[in-house]
């Protein structure tokens, strides 16, 4: 099983989503920013590194919002989604095809990675 982390970053009533590049697995689907946990890294360290690499921002990582296990045809992931905020920097699109701030009401307008579906259900039920 592959450990993966992601950030739930809010700006007032909107949260950040990123569109995967066309050349990667699950092309053009939307997701929360994050990535794989490397050896000798904590989940929080991995999330901070990924956000620096993908968005050029420094995160302040909070508590766990939710975690899920999802089996894709090619990989099984244990995804831990952290509440987080941008501590430093201005978001830059270094890796993703697109980046958007959306409200919970707009979730159905985007095609998300299957691992995120359960998380999005919890988000929409809580709002």
Protein backbone atom coordinates (compact mmCIF):
# COMPACT_ATOMS: atom_id res chain seq x y z
CA UNK A 1 0.00 0.00 0.00
CA UNK A 2 1.27 3.46 -0.92
CA UNK A 3 1.02 6.24 1.66
CA UNK A 4 -0.28 9.45 0.09
CA UNK A 5 -1.00 12.82 1.69
CA UNK A 6 -3.08 15.78 0.57
CA UNK A 7 -4.10 19.21 1.82
CA UNK A 8 -7.53 20.65 2.37
CA UNK A 9 -6.75 24.35 2.05
CA UNK A 10 -9.58 26.83 2.63
CA UNK A 11 -9.87 30.48 1.63
CA UNK A 12 -13.06 31.68 3.29
CA UNK A 13 -15.82 29.44 1.83
CA UNK A 14 -13.72 27.99 -1.02
CA UNK A 15 -11.12 25.23 -1.05
CA UNK A 16 -8.21 24.51 -3.39
CA UNK A 17 -8.36 21.80 -6.05
CA UNK A 18 -5.80 20.93 -8.71
CA UNK A 19 -6.18 19.27 -12.11
CA UNK A 20 -3.75 16.46 -12.84
CA UNK A 21 -1.52 16.81 -15.92
CA UNK A 22 -2.52 14.93 -19.10
CA UNK A 23 0.65 12.77 -19.05
CA UNK A 24 0.18 11.33 -15.52
CA UNK A 25 -2.00 8.51 -14.19
CA UNK A 26 -5.64 9.58 -13.86
CA UNK A 27 -5.09 12.35 -16.42
CA UNK A 28 -7.03 15.61 -16.12
CA UNK A 29 -8.96 14.51 -13.04
CA UNK A 30 -9.20 16.94 -10.13
CA UNK A 31 -7.64 16.30 -6.75
CA UNK A 32 -6.38 17.90 -3.56
CA UNK A 33 -2.75 18.98 -3.73
CA UNK A 34 -0.29 16.45 -2.33
CA UNK A 35 1.57 13.28 -3.19
CA UNK A 36 3.45 10.22 -2.02
CA UNK A 37 5.22 9.98 1.32
CA UNK A 38 8.91 9.25 0.76
CA UNK A 39 11.00 6.94 3.00
CA UNK A 40 12.12 8.58 6.28
CA UNK A 41 9.51 11.34 5.91
CA UNK A 42 6.56 12.04 8.19
CA UNK A 43 3.21 12.61 6.52
CA UNK A 44 3.37 16.27 7.49
CA UNK A 45 6.87 16.64 6.02
CA UNK A 46 5.73 14.96 2.81
CA UNK A 47 2.79 17.31 2.48
CA UNK A 48 4.95 20.37 3.03
CA UNK A 49 7.49 19.12 0.45
CA UNK A 50 4.82 18.31 -2.14
CA UNK A 51 3.16 21.71 -1.79
CA UNK A 52 6.52 23.44 -2.15
CA UNK A 53 7.30 21.40 -5.29
CA UNK A 54 3.84 21.70 -6.88
CA UNK A 55 2.62 25.15 -5.77
CA UNK A 56 5.73 26.98 -4.45
CA UNK A 57 4.03 27.62 -1.10
CA UNK A 58 4.87 26.78 2.49
CA UNK A 59 2.04 25.13 4.39
CA UNK A 60 1.04 25.17 7.98
CA UNK A 61 -0.28 21.64 8.43
CA UNK A 62 -3.12 21.10 10.88
CA UNK A 63 -5.05 18.03 12.00
CA UNK A 64 -6.29 15.15 9.87
CA UNK A 65 -9.61 15.87 8.18
CA UNK A 66 -10.07 12.29 6.97
CA UNK A 67 -8.23 9.29 5.64
CA UNK A 68 -9.33 6.70 3.10
CA UNK A 69 -7.97 3.57 1.45
CA UNK A 70 -8.69 3.26 -2.26
CA UNK A 71 -7.76 0.52 -4.71
CA UNK A 72 -7.00 1.69 -8.23
CA UNK A 73 -6.25 -0.92 -10.91
CA UNK A 74 -2.54 -0.08 -10.70
CA UNK A 75 -2.06 0.97 -7.04
CA UNK A 76 -3.67 0.88 -3.61
CA UNK A 77 -3.37 4.16 -1.72
CA UNK A 78 -3.87 5.14 1.89
CA UNK A 79 -4.74 8.82 1.51
CA UNK A 80 -4.51 11.11 4.53
CA UNK A 81 -6.10 14.52 4.00
CA UNK A 82 -4.88 17.23 6.37
CA UNK A 83 -6.46 20.56 7.15
CA UNK A 84 -3.85 23.10 6.13
CA UNK A 85 -3.31 26.75 5.34
CA UNK A 86 -0.80 28.62 3.25
CA UNK A 87 1.76 30.10 5.63
CA UNK A 88 4.04 31.65 3.01
CA UNK A 89 4.18 32.25 -0.71
CA UNK A 90 1.85 32.84 -3.62
CA UNK A 91 0.42 29.81 -5.41
CA UNK A 92 2.15 28.96 -8.67
CA UNK A 93 1.07 26.29 -11.13
CA UNK A 94 4.31 24.27 -11.31
CA UNK A 95 2.90 20.79 -11.89
CA UNK A 96 -0.86 20.83 -12.44
CA UNK A 97 -2.79 21.67 -15.59
CA UNK A 98 -5.13 23.97 -13.67
CA UNK A 99 -5.79 25.16 -10.14
CA UNK A 100 -9.11 26.44 -8.81
CA UNK A 101 -10.78 27.61 -5.64
CA UNK A 102 -14.27 26.11 -5.47
CA UNK A 103 -17.16 26.09 -3.04
CA UNK A 104 -18.69 22.90 -1.73
CA UNK A 105 -21.73 23.59 -3.94
CA UNK A 106 -19.49 23.40 -7.04
CA UNK A 107 -18.04 19.92 -6.32
CA UNK A 108 -20.39 18.16 -8.76
CA UNK A 109 -19.07 20.30 -11.64
CA UNK A 110 -15.64 18.60 -11.50
CA UNK A 111 -14.44 15.06 -12.18
CA UNK A 112 -12.34 14.07 -9.17
CA UNK A 113 -9.99 11.14 -8.63
CA UNK A 114 -11.98 8.18 -7.27
CA UNK A 115 -9.99 8.19 -3.99
CA UNK A 116 -11.41 11.67 -3.25
CA UNK A 117 -15.10 10.75 -3.64
CA UNK A 118 -15.61 9.72 -0.01
CA UNK A 119 -13.86 12.88 1.20
CA UNK A 120 -16.01 15.07 -1.04
CA UNK A 121 -19.14 13.37 0.32
CA UNK A 122 -18.06 14.25 3.87
CA UNK A 123 -17.31 17.85 2.81
CA UNK A 124 -20.70 18.31 1.18
CA UNK A 125 -22.55 16.75 4.13
CA UNK A 126 -20.79 19.07 6.60
CA UNK A 127 -21.68 22.28 4.75
